[in-house]
Every structure is written in C-alpha cells, then in structure tokens.
C-alpha cells in the first residue's frame, strides 16, 4: 500500500487544489463529484481532478489516506478540506472562497 500512498501524497502536494472524484471534471460520474465540480468551476478555481474510477487502488487508497470514507475529496495546498456536504456548506457560507484566498489560491467570485 505504500506505493499507492506515495502516489496519492504526490498528487495532493503537486497541485494547489486537487479533487479526487468519480469521473473527470469534464464528465463527472456521480452526482456528488458533479456538485463539487460545479462549485469549483463557479468560483473559478484552477484545480486538478483525479479520477478514482480509473484505478481501484487509488479509489481505496484515498479513503485510507484521508481517513474519510467517501468520494469526492478536496485538497487545498496539501490539506484535506472535505467531501461534497462540507464543500457545499462552506461554499454557501462563503467560507470556501475565503479559505482559497487565505491559501493564496485565486478565485473569480469572492
């Protein structure tokens, strides 16, 4: 499992914003992933999508990496932020946009 953990760790740390999701940002394969993609696209954040459906090891590994049972999972500057519910709540409260700005990640909508 170490190999997959290193791979995930590298993904998380190589981009400012990484979304582990089912499908791709262009073609989300589940409603929850799609909702987070819509939010990120709406606030204009540049992010990298990692399709967990393409690799069962990553799909299982990311859950162990974050100790979080569900996908999607959003990471900002190497820090796990949360899944769909948390991201949606933060977005609606304006906290998500604020968090990105505090982390030095440009957003289109403040």
C-alpha atoms as a PDB file:
ATOM      1  CA  UNK A   1       0.000   0.000   0.000  1.00  0.00           C
ATOM      2  CA  UNK A   2       2.993   2.296   0.467  1.00  0.00           C
ATOM      3  CA  UNK A   3       3.350   2.805  -3.280  1.00  0.00           C
ATOM      4  CA  UNK A   4      -0.227   3.995  -3.684  1.00  0.00           C
ATOM      5  CA  UNK A   5       0.062   6.196  -0.592  1.00  0.00           C
ATOM      6  CA  UNK A   6       3.162   7.869  -2.055  1.00  0.00           C
ATOM      7  CA  UNK A   7       1.371   8.345  -5.366  1.00  0.00           C
ATOM      8  CA  UNK A   8      -1.627   9.961  -3.629  1.00  0.00           C
ATOM      9  CA  UNK A   9       0.658  12.080  -1.444  1.00  0.00           C
ATOM     10  CA  UNK A  10       2.451  13.280  -4.573  1.00  0.00           C
ATOM     11  CA  UNK A  11      -0.866  14.154  -6.280  1.00  0.00           C
ATOM     12  CA  UNK A  12      -2.066  16.048  -3.212  1.00  0.00           C
ATOM     13  CA  UNK A  13       1.159  18.039  -2.923  1.00  0.00           C
ATOM     14  CA  UNK A  14       1.911  18.669  -6.609  1.00  0.00           C
ATOM     15  CA  UNK A  15      -1.114  20.930  -7.267  1.00  0.00           C
ATOM     16  CA  UNK A  16      -2.571  23.704  -5.113  1.00  0.00           C
ATOM     17  CA  UNK A  17      -6.093  22.300  -5.467  1.00  0.00           C
ATOM     18  CA  UNK A  18      -6.785  18.613  -6.091  1.00  0.00           C
ATOM     19  CA  UNK A  19     -10.175  16.924  -6.311  1.00  0.00           C
ATOM     20  CA  UNK A  20     -10.286  13.131  -6.021  1.00  0.00           C
ATOM     21  CA  UNK A  21     -13.543  12.330  -7.769  1.00  0.00           C
ATOM     22  CA  UNK A  22     -15.544   9.756  -9.688  1.00  0.00           C
ATOM     23  CA  UNK A  23     -15.015  10.661 -13.322  1.00  0.00           C
ATOM     24  CA  UNK A  24     -13.305  13.776 -14.633  1.00  0.00           C
ATOM     25  CA  UNK A  25     -14.074  17.496 -14.265  1.00  0.00           C
ATOM     26  CA  UNK A  26     -15.475  17.400 -17.823  1.00  0.00           C
ATOM     27  CA  UNK A  27     -17.514  14.205 -17.218  1.00  0.00           C
ATOM     28  CA  UNK A  28     -18.297  13.616 -13.532  1.00  0.00           C
ATOM     29  CA  UNK A  29     -19.565  10.067 -12.954  1.00  0.00           C
ATOM     30  CA  UNK A  30     -21.567  10.734  -9.789  1.00  0.00           C
ATOM     31  CA  UNK A  31     -23.799  13.500  -8.508  1.00  0.00           C
ATOM     32  CA  UNK A  32     -21.600  14.375  -5.541  1.00  0.00           C
ATOM     33  CA  UNK A  33     -18.479  14.725  -7.685  1.00  0.00           C
ATOM     34  CA  UNK A  34     -20.515  16.750 -10.175  1.00  0.00           C
ATOM     35  CA  UNK A  35     -21.726  19.116  -7.478  1.00  0.00           C
ATOM     36  CA  UNK A  36     -18.205  19.839  -6.216  1.00  0.00           C
ATOM     37  CA  UNK A  37     -17.029  20.377  -9.816  1.00  0.00           C
ATOM     38  CA  UNK A  38     -19.883  22.882 -10.322  1.00  0.00           C
ATOM     39  CA  UNK A  39     -18.875  24.779  -7.171  1.00  0.00           C
ATOM     40  CA  UNK A  40     -15.180  24.892  -8.087  1.00  0.00           C
ATOM     41  CA  UNK A  41     -15.991  25.950 -11.647  1.00  0.00           C
ATOM     42  CA  UNK A  42     -18.407  28.605 -10.380  1.00  0.00           C
ATOM     43  CA  UNK A  43     -15.847  30.245  -8.095  1.00  0.00           C
ATOM     44  CA  UNK A  44     -13.249  29.932 -10.835  1.00  0.00           C
ATOM     45  CA  UNK A  45     -10.625  27.921  -9.008  1.00  0.00           C
ATOM     46  CA  UNK A  46      -7.963  26.148 -11.037  1.00  0.00           C
ATOM     47  CA  UNK A  47      -7.814  22.537  -9.847  1.00  0.00           C
ATOM     48  CA  UNK A  48      -6.666  19.079 -10.838  1.00  0.00           C
ATOM     49  CA  UNK A  49      -9.228  16.270 -10.994  1.00  0.00           C
ATOM     50  CA  UNK A  50      -8.101  12.725 -10.200  1.00  0.00           C
ATOM     51  CA  UNK A  51     -10.500  10.043 -11.457  1.00  0.00           C
ATOM     52  CA  UNK A  52     -10.660   7.318  -8.793  1.00  0.00           C
ATOM     53  CA  UNK A  53     -12.711   5.091 -11.117  1.00  0.00           C
ATOM     54  CA  UNK A  54      -9.664   4.716 -13.373  1.00  0.00           C
ATOM     55  CA  UNK A  55      -7.691   2.967 -10.608  1.00  0.00           C
ATOM     56  CA  UNK A  56      -9.252   0.817  -7.838  1.00  0.00           C
ATOM     57  CA  UNK A  57      -6.056   1.190  -5.769  1.00  0.00           C
ATOM     58  CA  UNK A  58      -6.397   4.972  -5.744  1.00  0.00           C
ATOM     59  CA  UNK A  59     -10.127   4.659  -5.055  1.00  0.00           C
ATOM     60  CA  UNK A  60      -9.419   2.618  -1.918  1.00  0.00           C
ATOM     61  CA  UNK A  61      -6.142   4.329  -1.092  1.00  0.00           C
ATOM     62  CA  UNK A  62      -7.561   7.851  -0.927  1.00  0.00           C
ATOM     63  CA  UNK A  63     -10.070   6.757   1.719  1.00  0.00           C
ATOM     64  CA  UNK A  64      -7.245   5.437   3.868  1.00  0.00           C
ATOM     65  CA  UNK A  65      -5.025   8.437   3.108  1.00  0.00           C
ATOM     66  CA  UNK A  66      -7.600  10.928   4.395  1.00  0.00           C
ATOM     67  CA  UNK A  67      -9.363   8.590   6.818  1.00  0.00           C
ATOM     68  CA  UNK A  68     -12.555   9.746   5.091  1.00  0.00           C
ATOM     69  CA  UNK A  69     -14.995   7.117   3.736  1.00  0.00           C
ATOM     70  CA  UNK A  70     -16.474   8.916   0.736  1.00  0.00           C
ATOM     71  CA  UNK A  71     -15.511  10.434  -2.588  1.00  0.00           C
ATOM     72  CA  UNK A  72     -15.172  13.214  -3.760  1.00  0.00           C
ATOM     73  CA  UNK A  73     -12.394  14.589  -1.578  1.00  0.00           C
ATOM     74  CA  UNK A  74     -10.988  18.089  -1.945  1.00  0.00           C
ATOM     75  CA  UNK A  75      -7.452  19.061  -1.003  1.00  0.00           C
ATOM     76  CA  UNK A  76      -6.080  22.599  -0.881  1.00  0.00           C
ATOM     77  CA  UNK A  77      -2.311  23.106  -0.532  1.00  0.00           C
ATOM     78  CA  UNK A  78      -1.950  19.521   0.703  1.00  0.00           C
ATOM     79  CA  UNK A  79      -4.706  19.838   3.326  1.00  0.00           C
ATOM     80  CA  UNK A  80      -7.873  17.719   3.234  1.00  0.00           C
ATOM     81  CA  UNK A  81     -10.884  20.049   3.224  1.00  0.00           C
ATOM     82  CA  UNK A  82     -13.780  17.623   2.974  1.00  0.00           C
ATOM     83  CA  UNK A  83     -16.334  15.902   0.793  1.00  0.00           C
ATOM     84  CA  UNK A  84     -19.416  17.120  -1.028  1.00  0.00           C
ATOM     85  CA  UNK A  85     -21.510  18.094   2.033  1.00  0.00           C
ATOM     86  CA  UNK A  86     -18.707  20.040   3.719  1.00  0.00           C
ATOM     87  CA  UNK A  87     -17.683  21.758   0.470  1.00  0.00           C
ATOM     88  CA  UNK A  88     -21.317  22.710  -0.255  1.00  0.00           C
ATOM     89  CA  UNK A  89     -21.826  24.114   3.267  1.00  0.00           C
ATOM     90  CA  UNK A  90     -18.549  26.045   3.131  1.00  0.00           C
ATOM     91  CA  UNK A  91     -19.430  27.415  -0.307  1.00  0.00           C
ATOM     92  CA  UNK A  92     -22.914  28.548   0.764  1.00  0.00           C
ATOM     93  CA  UNK A  93     -21.447  30.272   3.829  1.00  0.00           C
ATOM     94  CA  UNK A  94     -18.725  31.972   1.764  1.00  0.00           C
ATOM     95  CA  UNK A  95     -16.064  30.093   3.755  1.00  0.00           C
ATOM     96  CA  UNK A  96     -14.756  28.086   0.804  1.00  0.00           C
ATOM     97  CA  UNK A  97     -13.939  31.177  -1.242  1.00  0.00           C
ATOM     98  CA  UNK A  98     -12.344  32.759   1.836  1.00  0.00           C
ATOM     99  CA  UNK A  99     -10.282  29.630   2.501  1.00  0.00           C
ATOM    100  CA  UNK A 100      -8.943  29.618  -1.064  1.00  0.00           C
ATOM    101  CA  UNK A 101      -7.996  33.297  -0.774  1.00  0.00           C
ATOM    102  CA  UNK A 102      -6.283  32.723   2.587  1.00  0.00           C
ATOM    103  CA  UNK A 103      -4.295  29.913   0.981  1.00  0.00           C
ATOM    104  CA  UNK A 104      -3.272  32.186  -1.889  1.00  0.00           C
ATOM    105  CA  UNK A 105      -5.428  30.385  -4.454  1.00  0.00           C
ATOM    106  CA  UNK A 106      -7.069  32.877  -6.864  1.00  0.00           C
ATOM    107  CA  UNK A 107     -10.862  32.797  -7.104  1.00  0.00           C
ATOM    108  CA  UNK A 108     -13.068  34.519  -9.662  1.00  0.00           C
ATOM    109  CA  UNK A 109     -16.037  35.113  -7.316  1.00  0.00           C
ATOM    110  CA  UNK A 110     -15.287  36.435  -3.839  1.00  0.00           C
END
